[in-house]
C-alpha atoms as a PDB file:
ATOM      1  CA  GLU A   1      -3.539  25.269 -33.950  1.00  0.00           C
ATOM      2  CA  SER A   2      -6.061  25.052 -36.784  1.00  0.00           C
ATOM      3  CA  LEU A   3      -7.774  28.328 -35.852  1.00  0.00           C
ATOM      4  CA  PRO A   4      -5.302  30.646 -37.641  1.00  0.00           C
ATOM      5  CA  VAL A   5      -5.587  28.632 -40.861  1.00  0.00           C
ATOM      6  CA  GLN A   6      -9.381  28.506 -40.655  1.00  0.00           C
ATOM      7  CA  LEU A   7      -9.570  32.249 -39.934  1.00  0.00           C
ATOM      8  CA  GLN A   8      -7.441  33.008 -42.993  1.00  0.00           C
ATOM      9  CA  MET A   9      -9.630  30.819 -45.181  1.00  0.00           C
ATOM     10  CA  PHE A  10     -12.802  32.330 -43.726  1.00  0.00           C
ATOM     11  CA  ARG A  11     -11.617  35.920 -44.217  1.00  0.00           C
ATOM     12  CA  ALA A  12     -10.514  35.153 -47.772  1.00  0.00           C
ATOM     13  CA  SER A  13     -13.913  33.660 -48.612  1.00  0.00           C
ATOM     14  CA  TYR A  14     -16.316  36.037 -46.859  1.00  0.00           C
ATOM     15  CA  GLN A  15     -16.603  39.776 -46.251  1.00  0.00           C
ATOM     16  CA  VAL A  16     -17.038  40.150 -42.488  1.00  0.00           C
ATOM     17  CA  ASN A  17     -17.143  43.522 -40.738  1.00  0.00           C
ATOM     18  CA  SER A  18     -18.727  42.533 -37.445  1.00  0.00           C
ATOM     19  CA  LEU A  19     -19.636  39.631 -35.223  1.00  0.00           C
ATOM     20  CA  ALA A  20     -23.221  39.897 -36.481  1.00  0.00           C
ATOM     21  CA  ASP A  21     -21.959  39.473 -40.058  1.00  0.00           C
ATOM     22  CA  ALA A  22     -20.052  36.330 -39.081  1.00  0.00           C
ATOM     23  CA  GLN A  23     -23.084  34.971 -37.251  1.00  0.00           C
ATOM     24  CA  ASN A  24     -25.328  35.564 -40.272  1.00  0.00           C
ATOM     25  CA  ILE A  25     -22.840  33.897 -42.589  1.00  0.00           C
ATOM     26  CA  PHE A  26     -22.682  30.798 -40.400  1.00  0.00           C
ATOM     27  CA  GLN A  27     -26.461  30.633 -40.103  1.00  0.00           C
ATOM     28  CA  THR A  28     -26.862  30.621 -43.879  1.00  0.00           C
ATOM     29  CA  MET A  29     -24.018  28.160 -44.615  1.00  0.00           C
ATOM     30  CA  VAL A  30     -24.795  24.667 -45.759  1.00  0.00           C
ATOM     31  CA  PRO A  31     -23.540  22.077 -43.256  1.00  0.00           C
ATOM     32  CA  GLU A  32     -20.825  20.810 -45.612  1.00  0.00           C
ATOM     33  CA  VAL A  33     -19.228  24.265 -45.783  1.00  0.00           C
ATOM     34  CA  ARG A  34     -19.755  24.949 -42.076  1.00  0.00           C
ATOM     35  CA  ASN A  35     -17.806  21.773 -41.306  1.00  0.00           C
ATOM     36  CA  LEU A  36     -14.738  23.360 -42.920  1.00  0.00           C
ATOM     37  CA  PHE A  37     -14.589  25.992 -40.135  1.00  0.00           C
ATOM     38  CA  PRO A  38     -15.248  24.256 -36.780  1.00  0.00           C
ATOM     39  CA  ALA A  39     -12.739  26.373 -34.840  1.00  0.00           C
ATOM     40  CA  VAL A  40     -14.109  29.619 -36.312  1.00  0.00           C
ATOM     41  CA  GLU A  41     -17.654  28.555 -35.445  1.00  0.00           C
ATOM     42  CA  HIS A  42     -16.563  27.769 -31.883  1.00  0.00           C
ATOM     43  CA  LEU A  43     -14.867  31.181 -31.608  1.00  0.00           C
ATOM     44  CA  ILE A  44     -18.003  32.966 -32.853  1.00  0.00           C
ATOM     45  CA  ARG A  45     -20.151  31.075 -30.358  1.00  0.00           C
ATOM     46  CA  LEU A  46     -17.792  32.030 -27.516  1.00  0.00           C
ATOM     47  CA  MET A  47     -17.824  35.668 -28.560  1.00  0.00           C
ATOM     48  CA  LEU A  48     -21.626  35.672 -28.623  1.00  0.00           C
ATOM     49  CA  ILE A  49     -21.940  34.390 -25.059  1.00  0.00           C
ATOM     50  CA  CYS A  50     -19.116  36.386 -23.450  1.00  0.00           C
ATOM     51  CA  PRO A  51     -20.119  39.677 -21.846  1.00  0.00           C
ATOM     52  CA  VAL A  52     -18.769  42.755 -23.578  1.00  0.00           C
ATOM     53  CA  SER A  53     -17.834  44.399 -20.302  1.00  0.00           C
ATOM     54  CA  SER A  54     -17.617  43.584 -16.647  1.00  0.00           C
ATOM     55  CA  CYS A  55     -19.704  46.541 -15.476  1.00  0.00           C
ATOM     56  CA  SER A  56     -22.338  44.448 -13.724  1.00  0.00           C
ATOM     57  CA  ALA A  57     -19.653  42.529 -11.807  1.00  0.00           C
ATOM     58  CA  GLU A  58     -17.921  45.781 -10.884  1.00  0.00           C
ATOM     59  CA  ARG A  59     -21.217  47.236  -9.621  1.00  0.00           C
ATOM     60  CA  SER A  60     -21.789  44.112  -7.526  1.00  0.00           C
ATOM     61  CA  PHE A  61     -18.370  44.407  -5.885  1.00  0.00           C
ATOM     62  CA  SER A  62     -18.941  48.109  -5.287  1.00  0.00           C
ATOM     63  CA  ALA A  63     -22.303  47.414  -3.614  1.00  0.00           C
ATOM     64  CA  LEU A  64     -20.737  44.620  -1.567  1.00  0.00           C
ATOM     65  CA  ARG A  65     -18.063  47.030  -0.331  1.00  0.00           C
ATOM     66  CA  ARG A  66     -20.741  49.546   0.760  1.00  0.00           C
ATOM     67  CA  MET A  67     -22.727  46.825   2.551  1.00  0.00           C
ATOM     68  CA  HIS A  68     -19.595  45.641   4.329  1.00  0.00           C
ATOM     69  CA  ALA A  69     -18.782  49.216   5.432  1.00  0.00           C
ATOM     70  CA  TRP A  70     -22.366  49.766   6.635  1.00  0.00           C
ATOM     71  CA  LYS A  71     -22.422  46.492   8.571  1.00  0.00           C
ATOM     72  CA  HIS A  72     -19.121  47.188  10.328  1.00  0.00           C
ATOM     73  CA  GLY A  73     -19.496  50.957  10.553  1.00  0.00           C
END
């Protein structure tokens, strides 16, 4: 529930146009300021580790389907 408030404060304090901008801002923040935005920091970390697309998973399922058809064909 604190994320919306922290996001508003963060956007009012910093000019952010991309995830890379947000990452750079957090890397250069002093710990006392960073502690004001724990939910925003957590969100940025999640966005950095989440895949942008599911293409590799889709390719794996596609290959699995072909292997299954070949095995039973």
